Amino acid sequence: MKLIRNLLALIGLLAVLAVAAVAVRLGPTLAKFDDRFLAVYQEFAGKLLKTGDPGVSMMWSVPVAADLSAEEVVESMKSIAVSRNLLFVGESPFYKQVRAITGEDYRYVNFLSFCDAQVGKKMLEYRDHYSGFMPCRIALVEDKNGRLWMYTMNLDLMIHGGKELPEDLKTDAIRVRENIMAIMEGAAKGEF
């Protein structure tokens, strides 16, 4: 019994020392991270564990009301973007590209791009890698059952997922995030 107790005490001591070593080594780095980084990665990990798919885990999705057409949703997105001072900067109708290449009809898949050029400039001044997030894209996708969905990248991973952004850039990035979500949520209901 004494041997087992001593062995368990040794394992406990080693575990405490390991945690302390990790805290000492990572503590200064983690102190520079955004306050919400743990929550962002917990949400990501929860989705990943549920779906097993990192692509699903990195995206936000919003279902579109069944009575809306793709054209109505696109017009709604453009209207809401303008009302929120985001530029509509492009559209890539993937379903038309597939049809042009294969000669076969394809379900509706369209990529719409929106931009706040002033925030984009700040992002690029901060880090060139952020160009991969630009412009903000919303995919309007008809699923295999004929239902429309909107998808966009989870911007919280960029905003809160690592070292804290400079305050003015973080404020602007959060505003863009809120605008993109407002476009998706409003367009899903056909708002203008």
Protein backbone atom coordinates (compact mmCIF):
# COMPACT_ATOMS: atom_id res chain seq x y z
CA MET A 1 0.00 0.00 0.00
CA LYS A 2 2.80 2.36 0.96
CA LEU A 3 4.52 1.70 -2.37
CA ILE A 4 1.36 2.51 -4.35
CA ARG A 5 0.82 5.71 -2.31
CA ASN A 6 4.40 6.81 -2.91
CA LEU A 7 4.16 5.98 -6.60
CA LEU A 8 0.95 8.02 -6.95
CA ALA A 9 2.55 10.89 -5.02
CA LEU A 10 5.52 10.80 -7.40
CA ILE A 11 3.22 10.82 -10.45
CA GLY A 12 1.31 13.77 -8.94
CA LEU A 13 4.56 15.65 -8.29
CA LEU A 14 5.75 15.03 -11.85
CA ALA A 15 2.41 16.24 -13.22
CA VAL A 16 2.60 19.44 -11.15
CA LEU A 17 6.18 20.02 -12.29
CA ALA A 18 5.18 19.45 -15.94
CA VAL A 19 2.31 21.95 -15.66
CA ALA A 20 4.61 24.46 -13.96
CA ALA A 21 7.26 24.03 -16.67
CA VAL A 22 4.69 24.56 -19.42
CA ALA A 23 3.33 27.64 -17.61
CA VAL A 24 6.81 29.14 -17.20
CA ARG A 25 7.73 28.42 -20.81
CA LEU A 26 4.44 29.44 -22.47
CA GLY A 27 3.23 32.03 -19.95
CA PRO A 28 5.02 35.05 -21.45
CA THR A 29 3.84 34.14 -24.96
CA LEU A 30 0.25 33.46 -23.92
CA ALA A 31 0.13 36.75 -22.00
CA LYS A 32 0.39 38.54 -25.37
CA PHE A 33 -2.55 36.61 -26.83
CA ASP A 34 -6.02 38.07 -27.20
CA ASP A 35 -8.29 37.62 -24.18
CA ARG A 36 -10.75 35.57 -26.26
CA PHE A 37 -8.28 33.21 -27.92
CA LEU A 38 -9.14 30.27 -25.67
CA ALA A 39 -12.88 30.67 -26.30
CA VAL A 40 -12.30 30.89 -30.07
CA TYR A 41 -10.25 27.70 -30.11
CA GLN A 42 -12.70 25.93 -27.79
CA GLU A 43 -15.49 26.71 -30.26
CA PHE A 44 -13.29 25.53 -33.16
CA ALA A 45 -12.31 22.34 -31.30
CA GLY A 46 -15.93 21.66 -30.34
CA LYS A 47 -17.03 21.84 -33.98
CA LEU A 48 -14.04 19.78 -35.08
CA LEU A 49 -14.77 17.06 -32.54
CA LYS A 50 -18.44 17.05 -33.52
CA THR A 51 -17.92 16.97 -37.31
CA GLY A 52 -14.36 15.69 -37.73
CA ASP A 53 -13.97 18.29 -40.50
CA PRO A 54 -11.63 21.30 -40.14
CA GLY A 55 -13.32 23.04 -43.08
CA VAL A 56 -16.69 22.97 -41.34
CA SER A 57 -15.03 24.13 -38.12
CA MET A 58 -13.49 27.21 -39.75
CA MET A 59 -16.71 28.47 -41.31
CA TRP A 60 -19.87 30.26 -40.24
CA SER A 61 -23.04 29.10 -41.96
CA VAL A 62 -26.51 30.64 -42.17
CA PRO A 63 -29.50 28.90 -43.77
CA VAL A 64 -31.60 30.97 -46.18
CA ALA A 65 -35.38 31.17 -45.83
CA ALA A 66 -36.95 28.57 -48.12
CA ASP A 67 -39.12 31.09 -49.97
CA LEU A 68 -36.15 33.18 -51.22
CA SER A 69 -34.46 32.72 -54.58
CA ALA A 70 -30.71 32.96 -55.05
CA GLU A 71 -31.17 36.20 -57.01
CA GLU A 72 -33.17 37.74 -54.15
CA VAL A 73 -30.48 36.77 -51.64
CA VAL A 74 -27.72 38.25 -53.81
CA GLU A 75 -29.61 41.53 -54.19
CA SER A 76 -30.27 41.58 -50.45
CA MET A 77 -26.56 41.01 -49.68
CA LYS A 78 -25.55 43.87 -51.97
CA SER A 79 -28.14 46.21 -50.47
CA ILE A 80 -27.17 45.45 -46.88
CA ALA A 81 -23.47 45.84 -47.72
CA VAL A 82 -24.07 49.32 -49.14
CA SER A 83 -26.08 50.31 -46.07
CA ARG A 84 -23.13 49.24 -43.89
CA ASN A 85 -20.46 51.00 -45.97
CA LEU A 86 -18.97 47.83 -47.42
CA LEU A 87 -18.10 47.77 -51.09
CA PHE A 88 -19.39 44.93 -53.25
CA VAL A 89 -16.20 44.16 -55.19
CA GLY A 90 -16.93 41.02 -57.11
CA GLU A 91 -18.90 37.94 -57.90
CA SER A 92 -17.76 34.55 -59.13
CA PRO A 93 -20.70 32.41 -60.28
CA PHE A 94 -19.05 29.02 -59.90
CA TYR A 95 -22.07 27.15 -61.24
CA LYS A 96 -21.68 29.00 -64.57
CA GLN A 97 -17.97 28.14 -64.69
CA VAL A 98 -18.73 24.45 -64.13
CA ARG A 99 -21.37 24.54 -66.88
CA ALA A 100 -18.94 26.27 -69.29
CA ILE A 101 -16.27 23.65 -68.70
CA THR A 102 -18.37 20.49 -68.44
CA GLY A 103 -21.41 21.43 -70.52
CA GLU A 104 -23.58 20.20 -67.64
CA ASP A 105 -25.82 22.20 -65.34
CA TYR A 106 -24.64 22.48 -61.76
CA ARG A 107 -26.35 23.53 -58.56
CA TYR A 108 -26.17 27.21 -57.62
CA VAL A 109 -22.81 28.15 -56.08
CA ASN A 110 -21.77 31.80 -56.14
CA PHE A 111 -18.95 33.62 -54.35
CA LEU A 112 -19.60 37.27 -53.51
CA SER A 113 -16.81 39.55 -52.31
CA PHE A 114 -17.11 42.58 -50.06
CA CYS A 115 -14.45 45.00 -48.88
CA ASP A 116 -13.74 47.91 -46.60
CA ALA A 117 -10.63 49.23 -48.33
CA GLN A 118 -9.54 51.36 -45.37
CA VAL A 119 -9.59 48.37 -43.03
CA GLY A 120 -7.93 46.23 -45.71
CA LYS A 121 -5.11 48.74 -45.97
CA LYS A 122 -4.62 48.66 -42.19
CA MET A 123 -4.58 44.86 -42.27
CA LEU A 124 -1.91 44.82 -44.97
CA GLU A 125 0.16 47.43 -43.15
CA TYR A 126 0.02 45.18 -40.09
CA ARG A 127 0.77 41.88 -41.83
CA ASP A 128 0.85 40.85 -45.50
CA HIS A 129 -0.45 37.38 -44.65
CA TYR A 130 -3.82 38.92 -43.86
CA SER A 131 -4.31 39.43 -47.59
CA GLY A 132 -5.57 35.84 -47.61
CA PHE A 133 -8.64 37.02 -45.70
CA MET A 134 -9.36 39.74 -48.26
CA PRO A 135 -11.76 40.58 -49.61
CA CYS A 136 -14.39 39.13 -47.30
CA ARG A 137 -16.22 36.42 -49.22
CA ILE A 138 -19.66 35.01 -48.71
CA ALA A 139 -20.53 31.86 -50.59
CA LEU A 140 -24.17 31.37 -51.52
CA VAL A 141 -24.59 27.62 -52.02
CA GLU A 142 -27.51 25.45 -52.98
CA ASP A 143 -26.97 22.24 -51.06
CA LYS A 144 -27.62 18.80 -52.52
CA ASN A 145 -31.21 18.97 -51.24
CA GLY A 146 -31.93 22.28 -53.00
CA ARG A 147 -31.70 24.50 -49.89
CA LEU A 148 -29.69 27.73 -50.02
CA TRP A 149 -27.01 28.41 -47.42
CA MET A 150 -24.46 31.19 -46.90
CA TYR A 151 -20.94 30.43 -45.73
CA THR A 152 -18.03 32.64 -44.74
CA MET A 153 -14.75 32.20 -42.93
CA ASN A 154 -14.87 32.51 -39.14
CA LEU A 155 -13.14 35.87 -38.74
CA ASP A 156 -12.83 35.35 -34.98
CA LEU A 157 -9.86 33.08 -35.69
CA MET A 158 -8.05 36.05 -37.27
CA ILE A 159 -9.28 38.66 -34.79
CA HIS A 160 -8.95 36.77 -31.50
CA GLY A 161 -6.99 33.61 -32.34
CA GLY A 162 -3.48 34.72 -31.47
CA LYS A 163 -1.49 37.73 -30.34
CA GLU A 164 -3.74 40.68 -29.71
CA LEU A 165 -4.17 43.00 -32.68
CA PRO A 166 -3.42 46.70 -32.22
CA GLU A 167 -6.54 48.26 -30.66
CA ASP A 168 -7.59 50.39 -33.66
CA LEU A 169 -7.13 47.49 -36.07
CA LYS A 170 -9.00 45.13 -33.75
CA THR A 171 -11.90 47.58 -33.48
CA ASP A 172 -12.09 47.88 -37.28
CA ALA A 173 -11.80 44.12 -37.79
CA ILE A 174 -14.64 43.51 -35.32
CA ARG A 175 -16.77 46.06 -37.19
CA VAL A 176 -16.12 44.25 -40.49
CA ARG A 177 -16.95 40.93 -38.81
CA GLU A 178 -20.22 42.35 -37.52
CA ASN A 179 -21.03 43.76 -40.97
CA ILE A 180 -20.41 40.43 -42.68
CA MET A 181 -22.61 38.64 -40.15
CA ALA A 182 -25.32 41.31 -40.58
CA ILE A 183 -25.22 40.79 -44.35
CA MET A 184 -25.62 37.04 -43.96
CA GLU A 185 -28.31 37.18 -41.29
CA GLY A 186 -30.27 39.91 -43.08
CA ALA A 187 -29.99 38.36 -46.54
CA ALA A 188 -31.08 34.98 -45.13
CA LYS A 189 -34.42 36.67 -44.38
CA GLY A 190 -34.54 38.76 -47.56
CA GLU A 191 -33.98 42.10 -45.85
CA PHE A 192 -32.87 45.18 -47.79
